[in-house]
Amino acid sequence: MSYSTIAISQRDAALLDRVASAIAQEQKTKGEELNPYLIITPMLWSVVTSADVEAAYASALAADNPNPGGDESVITDGMILSIVQASWPV
């Protein structure tokens, strides 16, 4: 795990948008009408500090991927969704 990778990934606009999209879909399935950006901060930190996401992001950076947070072959929607669901506020 690299704090540098985590710091870079938490500022990745494409990854932020993907996490917000996952939150919005989860809100819809739960019948909630909230703005996903109201809970994005804790969710984003849960995603970027997850070992599998951090490792995938670091690997993409090492391979000079220009868009690791937006590249679904690096961080899959399933990876994001599972972390969002597990981190959902009670």
PDB file of N, CA and C in Angstrom:
ATOM      1  N   MET A   1       0.845  -1.170   0.000  1.00  0.00           N
ATOM      2  CA  MET A   1       0.000   0.000   0.000  1.00  0.00           C
ATOM      3  C   MET A   1       0.890   1.232   0.000  1.00  0.00           C
ATOM      4  N   SER A   2       0.510   2.198  -0.809  1.00  0.00           N
ATOM      5  CA  SER A   2       1.269   3.434  -0.891  1.00  0.00           C
ATOM      6  C   SER A   2       0.357   4.624  -0.588  1.00  0.00           C
ATOM      7  N   TYR A   3       0.768   5.416   0.376  1.00  0.00           N
ATOM      8  CA  TYR A   3      -0.010   6.614   0.685  1.00  0.00           C
ATOM      9  C   TYR A   3      -0.023   7.565  -0.504  1.00  0.00           C
ATOM     10  N   SER A   4       1.039   7.557  -1.269  1.00  0.00           N
ATOM     11  CA  SER A   4       1.105   8.406  -2.458  1.00  0.00           C
ATOM     12  C   SER A   4       0.029   8.005  -3.469  1.00  0.00           C
ATOM     13  N   THR A   5      -0.109   6.717  -3.696  1.00  0.00           N
ATOM     14  CA  THR A   5      -1.133   6.231  -4.623  1.00  0.00           C
ATOM     15  C   THR A   5      -2.528   6.583  -4.125  1.00  0.00           C
ATOM     16  N   ILE A   6      -2.759   6.404  -2.836  1.00  0.00           N
ATOM     17  CA  ILE A   6      -4.066   6.738  -2.261  1.00  0.00           C
ATOM     18  C   ILE A   6      -4.340   8.230  -2.436  1.00  0.00           C
ATOM     19  N   ALA A   7      -3.350   9.062  -2.167  1.00  0.00           N
ATOM     20  CA  ALA A   7      -3.522  10.509  -2.299  1.00  0.00           C
ATOM     21  C   ALA A   7      -3.845  10.906  -3.736  1.00  0.00           C
ATOM     22  N   ILE A   8      -3.161  10.303  -4.680  1.00  0.00           N
ATOM     23  CA  ILE A   8      -3.418  10.596  -6.092  1.00  0.00           C
ATOM     24  C   ILE A   8      -4.811  10.122  -6.493  1.00  0.00           C
ATOM     25  N   SER A   9      -5.165   8.916  -6.098  1.00  0.00           N
ATOM     26  CA  SER A   9      -6.450   8.359  -6.532  1.00  0.00           C
ATOM     27  C   SER A   9      -7.642   9.099  -5.946  1.00  0.00           C
ATOM     28  N   GLN A  10      -7.521   9.629  -4.734  1.00  0.00           N
ATOM     29  CA  GLN A  10      -8.662  10.323  -4.140  1.00  0.00           C
ATOM     30  C   GLN A  10      -8.922  11.666  -4.820  1.00  0.00           C
ATOM     31  N   ARG A  11      -7.974  12.135  -5.629  1.00  0.00           N
ATOM     32  CA  ARG A  11      -8.173  13.373  -6.402  1.00  0.00           C
ATOM     33  C   ARG A  11      -8.540  13.099  -7.857  1.00  0.00           C
ATOM     34  N   ASP A  12      -8.706  11.831  -8.218  1.00  0.00           N
ATOM     35  CA  ASP A  12      -8.990  11.439  -9.594  1.00  0.00           C
ATOM     36  C   ASP A  12     -10.468  11.715  -9.905  1.00  0.00           C
ATOM     37  N   ALA A  13     -10.723  12.694 -10.765  1.00  0.00           N
ATOM     38  CA  ALA A  13     -12.101  13.116 -11.064  1.00  0.00           C
ATOM     39  C   ALA A  13     -12.936  11.984 -11.656  1.00  0.00           C
ATOM     40  N   ALA A  14     -12.351  11.180 -12.521  1.00  0.00           N
ATOM     41  CA  ALA A  14     -13.100  10.085 -13.126  1.00  0.00           C
ATOM     42  C   ALA A  14     -13.500   9.049 -12.076  1.00  0.00           C
ATOM     43  N   LEU A  15     -12.602   8.742 -11.166  1.00  0.00           N
ATOM     44  CA  LEU A  15     -12.909   7.788 -10.102  1.00  0.00           C
ATOM     45  C   LEU A  15     -13.967   8.370  -9.171  1.00  0.00           C
ATOM     46  N   LEU A  16     -13.847   9.632  -8.838  1.00  0.00           N
ATOM     47  CA  LEU A  16     -14.842  10.308  -8.006  1.00  0.00           C
ATOM     48  C   LEU A  16     -16.231  10.218  -8.640  1.00  0.00           C
ATOM     49  N   ASP A  17     -16.310  10.479  -9.940  1.00  0.00           N
ATOM     50  CA  ASP A  17     -17.593  10.402 -10.642  1.00  0.00           C
ATOM     51  C   ASP A  17     -18.155   8.983 -10.639  1.00  0.00           C
ATOM     52  N   ARG A  18     -17.290   7.993 -10.773  1.00  0.00           N
ATOM     53  CA  ARG A  18     -17.753   6.609 -10.769  1.00  0.00           C
ATOM     54  C   ARG A  18     -18.267   6.201  -9.395  1.00  0.00           C
ATOM     55  N   VAL A  19     -17.597   6.638  -8.344  1.00  0.00           N
ATOM     56  CA  VAL A  19     -18.065   6.342  -6.989  1.00  0.00           C
ATOM     57  C   VAL A  19     -19.403   7.042  -6.755  1.00  0.00           C
ATOM     58  N   ALA A  20     -19.527   8.297  -7.183  1.00  0.00           N
ATOM     59  CA  ALA A  20     -20.790   9.023  -7.038  1.00  0.00           C
ATOM     60  C   ALA A  20     -21.917   8.313  -7.796  1.00  0.00           C
ATOM     61  N   SER A  21     -21.620   7.778  -8.954  1.00  0.00           N
ATOM     62  CA  SER A  21     -22.619   7.043  -9.733  1.00  0.00           C
ATOM     63  C   SER A  21     -23.066   5.783  -9.008  1.00  0.00           C
ATOM     64  N   ALA A  22     -22.139   5.083  -8.410  1.00  0.00           N
ATOM     65  CA  ALA A  22     -22.487   3.887  -7.633  1.00  0.00           C
ATOM     66  C   ALA A  22     -23.365   4.255  -6.450  1.00  0.00           C
ATOM     67  N   ILE A  23     -23.028   5.343  -5.783  1.00  0.00           N
ATOM     68  CA  ILE A  23     -23.830   5.807  -4.649  1.00  0.00           C
ATOM     69  C   ILE A  23     -25.241   6.157  -5.117  1.00  0.00           C
ATOM     70  N   ALA A  24     -25.344   6.874  -6.225  1.00  0.00           N
ATOM     71  CA  ALA A  24     -26.656   7.273  -6.744  1.00  0.00           C
ATOM     72  C   ALA A  24     -27.514   6.058  -7.068  1.00  0.00           C
ATOM     73  N   GLN A  25     -26.935   5.045  -7.690  1.00  0.00           N
ATOM     74  CA  GLN A  25     -27.703   3.834  -7.995  1.00  0.00           C
ATOM     75  C   GLN A  25     -28.127   3.113  -6.731  1.00  0.00           C
ATOM     76  N   GLU A  26     -27.246   3.054  -5.746  1.00  0.00           N
ATOM     77  CA  GLU A  26     -27.604   2.406  -4.477  1.00  0.00           C
ATOM     78  C   GLU A  26     -28.719   3.170  -3.777  1.00  0.00           C
ATOM     79  N   GLN A  27     -28.660   4.495  -3.824  1.00  0.00           N
ATOM     80  CA  GLN A  27     -29.719   5.300  -3.222  1.00  0.00           C
ATOM     81  C   GLN A  27     -31.052   4.983  -3.886  1.00  0.00           C
ATOM     82  N   LYS A  28     -31.035   4.842  -5.193  1.00  0.00           N
ATOM     83  CA  LYS A  28     -32.262   4.544  -5.935  1.00  0.00           C
ATOM     84  C   LYS A  28     -32.825   3.184  -5.529  1.00  0.00           C
ATOM     85  N   THR A  29     -31.969   2.175  -5.387  1.00  0.00           N
ATOM     86  CA  THR A  29     -32.453   0.847  -5.012  1.00  0.00           C
ATOM     87  C   THR A  29     -32.975   0.817  -3.586  1.00  0.00           C
ATOM     88  N   LYS A  30     -32.490   1.739  -2.759  1.00  0.00           N
ATOM     89  CA  LYS A  30     -32.935   1.802  -1.368  1.00  0.00           C
ATOM     90  C   LYS A  30     -34.103   2.767  -1.174  1.00  0.00           C
ATOM     91  N   GLY A  31     -34.555   3.391  -2.270  1.00  0.00           N
ATOM     92  CA  GLY A  31     -35.663   4.323  -2.191  1.00  0.00           C
ATOM     93  C   GLY A  31     -35.295   5.643  -1.558  1.00  0.00           C
ATOM     94  N   GLU A  32     -34.026   5.955  -1.522  1.00  0.00           N
ATOM     95  CA  GLU A  32     -33.558   7.207  -0.927  1.00  0.00           C
ATOM     96  C   GLU A  32     -33.428   8.266  -2.021  1.00  0.00           C
ATOM     97  N   GLU A  33     -33.733   9.481  -1.687  1.00  0.00           N
ATOM     98  CA  GLU A  33     -33.626  10.585  -2.630  1.00  0.00           C
ATOM     99  C   GLU A  33     -32.607  11.590  -2.127  1.00  0.00           C
ATOM    100  N   LEU A  34     -31.374  11.159  -2.020  1.00  0.00           N
ATOM    101  CA  LEU A  34     -30.310  12.020  -1.514  1.00  0.00           C
ATOM    102  C   LEU A  34     -29.364  12.386  -2.639  1.00  0.00           C
ATOM    103  N   ASN A  35     -28.611  13.395  -2.408  1.00  0.00           N
ATOM    104  CA  ASN A  35     -27.554  13.786  -3.322  1.00  0.00           C
ATOM    105  C   ASN A  35     -26.342  12.899  -3.026  1.00  0.00           C
ATOM    106  N   PRO A  36     -25.826  12.152  -4.007  1.00  0.00           N
ATOM    107  CA  PRO A  36     -24.696  11.255  -3.730  1.00  0.00           C
ATOM    108  C   PRO A  36     -23.472  11.991  -3.194  1.00  0.00           C
ATOM    109  N   TYR A  37     -23.358  13.266  -3.506  1.00  0.00           N
ATOM    110  CA  TYR A  37     -22.191  14.011  -3.044  1.00  0.00           C
ATOM    111  C   TYR A  37     -22.253  14.335  -1.555  1.00  0.00           C
ATOM    112  N   LEU A  38     -23.412  14.090  -0.913  1.00  0.00           N
ATOM    113  CA  LEU A  38     -23.495  14.311   0.524  1.00  0.00           C
ATOM    114  C   LEU A  38     -22.745  13.240   1.316  1.00  0.00           C
ATOM    115  N   ILE A  39     -22.592  12.046   0.724  1.00  0.00           N
ATOM    116  CA  ILE A  39     -21.860  10.984   1.425  1.00  0.00           C
ATOM    117  C   ILE A  39     -20.634  10.502   0.646  1.00  0.00           C
ATOM    118  N   ILE A  40     -20.235  11.289  -0.354  1.00  0.00           N
ATOM    119  CA  ILE A  40     -19.125  10.867  -1.205  1.00  0.00           C
ATOM    120  C   ILE A  40     -17.801  10.786  -0.445  1.00  0.00           C
ATOM    121  N   THR A  41     -17.552  11.688   0.485  1.00  0.00           N
ATOM    122  CA  THR A  41     -16.238  11.716   1.134  1.00  0.00           C
ATOM    123  C   THR A  41     -15.903  10.404   1.842  1.00  0.00           C
ATOM    124  N   PRO A  42     -16.750   9.915   2.751  1.00  0.00           N
ATOM    125  CA  PRO A  42     -16.379   8.650   3.397  1.00  0.00           C
ATOM    126  C   PRO A  42     -16.370   7.472   2.416  1.00  0.00           C
ATOM    127  N   MET A  43     -17.262   7.492   1.447  1.00  0.00           N
ATOM    128  CA  MET A  43     -17.305   6.398   0.465  1.00  0.00           C
ATOM    129  C   MET A  43     -16.055   6.389  -0.395  1.00  0.00           C
ATOM    130  N   LEU A  44     -15.643   7.562  -0.845  1.00  0.00           N
ATOM    131  CA  LEU A  44     -14.450   7.645  -1.687  1.00  0.00           C
ATOM    132  C   LEU A  44     -13.229   7.141  -0.930  1.00  0.00           C
ATOM    133  N   TRP A  45     -13.093   7.542   0.335  1.00  0.00           N
ATOM    134  CA  TRP A  45     -11.952   7.070   1.114  1.00  0.00           C
ATOM    135  C   TRP A  45     -12.009   5.556   1.307  1.00  0.00           C
ATOM    136  N   SER A  46     -13.203   5.012   1.479  1.00  0.00           N
ATOM    137  CA  SER A  46     -13.328   3.553   1.595  1.00  0.00           C
ATOM    138  C   SER A  46     -12.867   2.870   0.316  1.00  0.00           C
ATOM    139  N   VAL A  47     -13.225   3.453  -0.832  1.00  0.00           N
ATOM    140  CA  VAL A  47     -12.839   2.860  -2.117  1.00  0.00           C
ATOM    141  C   VAL A  47     -11.332   2.954  -2.319  1.00  0.00           C
ATOM    142  N   VAL A  48     -10.762   4.145  -2.183  1.00  0.00           N
ATOM    143  CA  VAL A  48      -9.341   4.307  -2.520  1.00  0.00           C
ATOM    144  C   VAL A  48      -8.392   3.652  -1.531  1.00  0.00           C
ATOM    145  N   THR A  49      -8.864   3.374  -0.314  1.00  0.00           N
ATOM    146  CA  THR A  49      -7.993   2.687   0.648  1.00  0.00           C
ATOM    147  C   THR A  49      -8.184   1.173   0.636  1.00  0.00           C
ATOM    148  N   SER A  50      -9.103   0.693  -0.166  1.00  0.00           N
ATOM    149  CA  SER A  50      -9.285  -0.753  -0.309  1.00  0.00           C
ATOM    150  C   SER A  50      -8.033  -1.339  -0.970  1.00  0.00           C
ATOM    151  N   ALA A  51      -7.552  -2.433  -0.438  1.00  0.00           N
ATOM    152  CA  ALA A  51      -6.294  -3.017  -0.930  1.00  0.00           C
ATOM    153  C   ALA A  51      -6.334  -3.343  -2.417  1.00  0.00           C
ATOM    154  N   ASP A  52      -7.442  -3.908  -2.896  1.00  0.00           N
ATOM    155  CA  ASP A  52      -7.487  -4.280  -4.312  1.00  0.00           C
ATOM    156  C   ASP A  52      -7.552  -3.055  -5.222  1.00  0.00           C
ATOM    157  N   VAL A  53      -8.272  -2.028  -4.816  1.00  0.00           N
ATOM    158  CA  VAL A  53      -8.346  -0.802  -5.615  1.00  0.00           C
ATOM    159  C   VAL A  53      -6.989  -0.096  -5.607  1.00  0.00           C
ATOM    160  N   GLU A  54      -6.374   0.017  -4.453  1.00  0.00           N
ATOM    161  CA  GLU A  54      -5.077   0.685  -4.364  1.00  0.00           C
ATOM    162  C   GLU A  54      -4.038  -0.039  -5.214  1.00  0.00           C
ATOM    163  N   ALA A  55      -4.032  -1.360  -5.166  1.00  0.00           N
ATOM    164  CA  ALA A  55      -3.066  -2.139  -5.954  1.00  0.00           C
ATOM    165  C   ALA A  55      -3.310  -1.966  -7.453  1.00  0.00           C
ATOM    166  N   ALA A  56      -4.573  -1.991  -7.856  1.00  0.00           N
ATOM    167  CA  ALA A  56      -4.905  -1.820  -9.280  1.00  0.00           C
ATOM    168  C   ALA A  56      -4.531  -0.420  -9.757  1.00  0.00           C
ATOM    169  N   TYR A  57      -4.809   0.566  -8.930  1.00  0.00           N
ATOM    170  CA  TYR A  57      -4.488   1.948  -9.289  1.00  0.00           C
ATOM    171  C   TYR A  57      -2.976   2.128  -9.392  1.00  0.00           C
ATOM    172  N   ALA A  58      -2.240   1.591  -8.437  1.00  0.00           N
ATOM    173  CA  ALA A  58      -0.770   1.683  -8.456  1.00  0.00           C
ATOM    174  C   ALA A  58      -0.197   1.009  -9.692  1.00  0.00           C
ATOM    175  N   SER A  59      -0.743  -0.138 -10.046  1.00  0.00           N
ATOM    176  CA  SER A  59      -0.283  -0.852 -11.237  1.00  0.00           C
ATOM    177  C   SER A  59      -0.536  -0.036 -12.500  1.00  0.00           C
ATOM    178  N   ALA A  60      -1.695   0.590 -12.562  1.00  0.00           N
ATOM    179  CA  ALA A  60      -2.024   1.421 -13.720  1.00  0.00           C
ATOM    180  C   ALA A  60      -1.103   2.633 -13.819  1.00  0.00           C
ATOM    181  N   LEU A  61      -0.790   3.234 -12.678  1.00  0.00           N
ATOM    182  CA  LEU A  61       0.145   4.363 -12.680  1.00  0.00           C
ATOM    183  C   LEU A  61       1.523   3.914 -13.161  1.00  0.00           C
ATOM    184  N   ALA A  62       1.962   2.758 -12.692  1.00  0.00           N
ATOM    185  CA  ALA A  62       3.273   2.240 -13.096  1.00  0.00           C
ATOM    186  C   ALA A  62       3.330   1.940 -14.590  1.00  0.00           C
ATOM    187  N   ALA A  63       2.174   1.589 -15.161  1.00  0.00           N
ATOM    188  CA  ALA A  63       2.095   1.295 -16.593  1.00  0.00           C
ATOM    189  C   ALA A  63       1.799   2.543 -17.422  1.00  0.00           C
ATOM    190  N   ASP A  64       1.831   3.700 -16.775  1.00  0.00           N
ATOM    191  CA  ASP A  64       1.570   4.980 -17.435  1.00  0.00           C
ATOM    192  C   ASP A  64       0.181   5.082 -18.052  1.00  0.00           C
ATOM    193  N   ASN A  65      -0.795   4.438 -17.401  1.00  0.00           N
ATOM    194  CA  ASN A  65      -2.182   4.565 -17.840  1.00  0.00           C
ATOM    195  C   ASN A  65      -2.602   6.019 -17.609  1.00  0.00           C
ATOM    196  N   PRO A  66      -3.081   6.713 -18.650  1.00  0.00           N
ATOM    197  CA  PRO A  66      -3.428   8.125 -18.489  1.00  0.00           C
ATOM    198  C   PRO A  66      -4.733   8.375 -17.731  1.00  0.00           C
ATOM    199  N   ASN A  67      -5.537   7.332 -17.533  1.00  0.00           N
ATOM    200  CA  ASN A  67      -6.850   7.503 -16.905  1.00  0.00           C
ATOM    201  C   ASN A  67      -7.194   6.312 -16.014  1.00  0.00           C
ATOM    202  N   PRO A  68      -6.395   6.048 -14.978  1.00  0.00           N
ATOM    203  CA  PRO A  68      -6.636   4.841 -14.181  1.00  0.00           C
ATOM    204  C   PRO A  68      -7.992   4.825 -13.481  1.00  0.00           C
ATOM    205  N   GLY A  69      -8.474   5.965 -13.029  1.00  0.00           N
ATOM    206  CA  GLY A  69      -9.761   6.006 -12.333  1.00  0.00           C
ATOM    207  C   GLY A  69     -10.962   5.854 -13.245  1.00  0.00           C
ATOM    208  N   GLY A  70     -10.799   6.155 -14.506  1.00  0.00           N
ATOM    209  CA  GLY A  70     -11.884   6.025 -15.463  1.00  0.00           C
ATOM    210  C   GLY A  70     -11.822   4.750 -16.273  1.00  0.00           C
ATOM    211  N   ASP A  71     -10.732   4.034 -16.183  1.00  0.00           N
ATOM    212  CA  ASP A  71     -10.519   2.814 -16.965  1.00  0.00           C
ATOM    213  C   ASP A  71     -11.150   1.626 -16.239  1.00  0.00           C
ATOM    214  N   GLU A  72     -12.241   1.121 -16.787  1.00  0.00           N
ATOM    215  CA  GLU A  72     -12.968   0.024 -16.148  1.00  0.00           C
ATOM    216  C   GLU A  72     -12.204  -1.294 -16.168  1.00  0.00           C
ATOM    217  N   SER A  73     -11.136  -1.368 -16.934  1.00  0.00           N
ATOM    218  CA  SER A  73     -10.317  -2.580 -16.895  1.00  0.00           C
ATOM    219  C   SER A  73      -9.306  -2.512 -15.743  1.00  0.00           C
ATOM    220  N   VAL A  74      -9.121  -1.335 -15.164  1.00  0.00           N
ATOM    221  CA  VAL A  74      -8.229  -1.167 -14.014  1.00  0.00           C
ATOM    222  C   VAL A  74      -9.029  -1.362 -12.728  1.00  0.00           C
ATOM    223  N   ILE A  75     -10.042  -0.551 -12.542  1.00  0.00           N
ATOM    224  CA  ILE A  75     -10.933  -0.634 -11.389  1.00  0.00           C
ATOM    225  C   ILE A  75     -12.324  -0.885 -11.940  1.00  0.00           C
ATOM    226  N   THR A  76     -12.846  -2.054 -11.661  1.00  0.00           N
ATOM    227  CA  THR A  76     -14.133  -2.428 -12.241  1.00  0.00           C
ATOM    228  C   THR A  76     -15.286  -1.790 -11.468  1.00  0.00           C
ATOM    229  N   ASP A  77     -16.426  -1.714 -12.134  1.00  0.00           N
ATOM    230  CA  ASP A  77     -17.627  -1.232 -11.455  1.00  0.00           C
ATOM    231  C   ASP A  77     -17.980  -2.144 -10.289  1.00  0.00           C
ATOM    232  N   GLY A  78     -17.740  -3.429 -10.453  1.00  0.00           N
ATOM    233  CA  GLY A  78     -18.020  -4.380  -9.380  1.00  0.00           C
ATOM    234  C   GLY A  78     -17.179  -4.124  -8.142  1.00  0.00           C
ATOM    235  N   MET A  79     -15.921  -3.750  -8.339  1.00  0.00           N
ATOM    236  CA  MET A  79     -15.057  -3.420  -7.208  1.00  0.00           C
ATOM    237  C   MET A  79     -15.625  -2.216  -6.456  1.00  0.00           C
ATOM    238  N   ILE A  80     -15.989  -1.191  -7.201  1.00  0.00           N
ATOM    239  CA  ILE A  80     -16.535   0.021  -6.587  1.00  0.00           C
ATOM    240  C   ILE A  80     -17.844  -0.290  -5.875  1.00  0.00           C
ATOM    241  N   LEU A  81     -18.735  -0.991  -6.560  1.00  0.00           N
ATOM    242  CA  LEU A  81     -20.046  -1.291  -5.991  1.00  0.00           C
ATOM    243  C   LEU A  81     -19.937  -2.092  -4.699  1.00  0.00           C
ATOM    244  N   SER A  82     -19.084  -3.097  -4.676  1.00  0.00           N
ATOM    245  CA  SER A  82     -18.987  -3.926  -3.471  1.00  0.00           C
ATOM    246  C   SER A  82     -18.499  -3.113  -2.274  1.00  0.00           C
ATOM    247  N   ILE A  83     -17.589  -2.177  -2.501  1.00  0.00           N
ATOM    248  CA  ILE A  83     -17.090  -1.345  -1.408  1.00  0.00           C
ATOM    249  C   ILE A  83     -18.163  -0.357  -0.964  1.00  0.00           C
ATOM    250  N   VAL A  84     -18.865   0.237  -1.909  1.00  0.00           N
ATOM    251  CA  VAL A  84     -19.948   1.170  -1.576  1.00  0.00           C
ATOM    252  C   VAL A  84     -21.028   0.454  -0.759  1.00  0.00           C
ATOM    253  N   GLN A  85     -21.417  -0.723  -1.192  1.00  0.00           N
ATOM    254  CA  GLN A  85     -22.446  -1.468  -0.462  1.00  0.00           C
ATOM    255  C   GLN A  85     -21.979  -1.828   0.946  1.00  0.00           C
ATOM    256  N   ALA A  86     -20.737  -2.244   1.073  1.00  0.00           N
ATOM    257  CA  ALA A  86     -20.213  -2.631   2.384  1.00  0.00           C
ATOM    258  C   ALA A  86     -20.023  -1.434   3.308  1.00  0.00           C
ATOM    259  N   SER A  87     -19.854  -0.257   2.731  1.00  0.00           N
ATOM    260  CA  SER A  87     -19.599   0.953   3.520  1.00  0.00           C
ATOM    261  C   SER A  87     -20.839   1.803   3.721  1.00  0.00           C
ATOM    262  N   TRP A  88     -21.996   1.307   3.263  1.00  0.00           N
ATOM    263  CA  TRP A  88     -23.221   2.109   3.294  1.00  0.00           C
ATOM    264  C   TRP A  88     -23.560   2.515   4.728  1.00  0.00           C
ATOM    265  N   PRO A  89     -23.859   3.802   4.946  1.00  0.00           N
ATOM    266  CA  PRO A  89     -24.209   4.253   6.295  1.00  0.00           C
ATOM    267  C   PRO A  89     -25.517   3.614   6.776  1.00  0.00           C
ATOM    268  N   VAL A  90     -25.545   3.273   8.032  1.00  0.00           N
ATOM    269  CA  VAL A  90     -26.733   2.616   8.601  1.00  0.00           C
ATOM    270  C   VAL A  90     -27.787   3.654   8.908  1.00  0.00           C
TER     271      VAL A  90
END
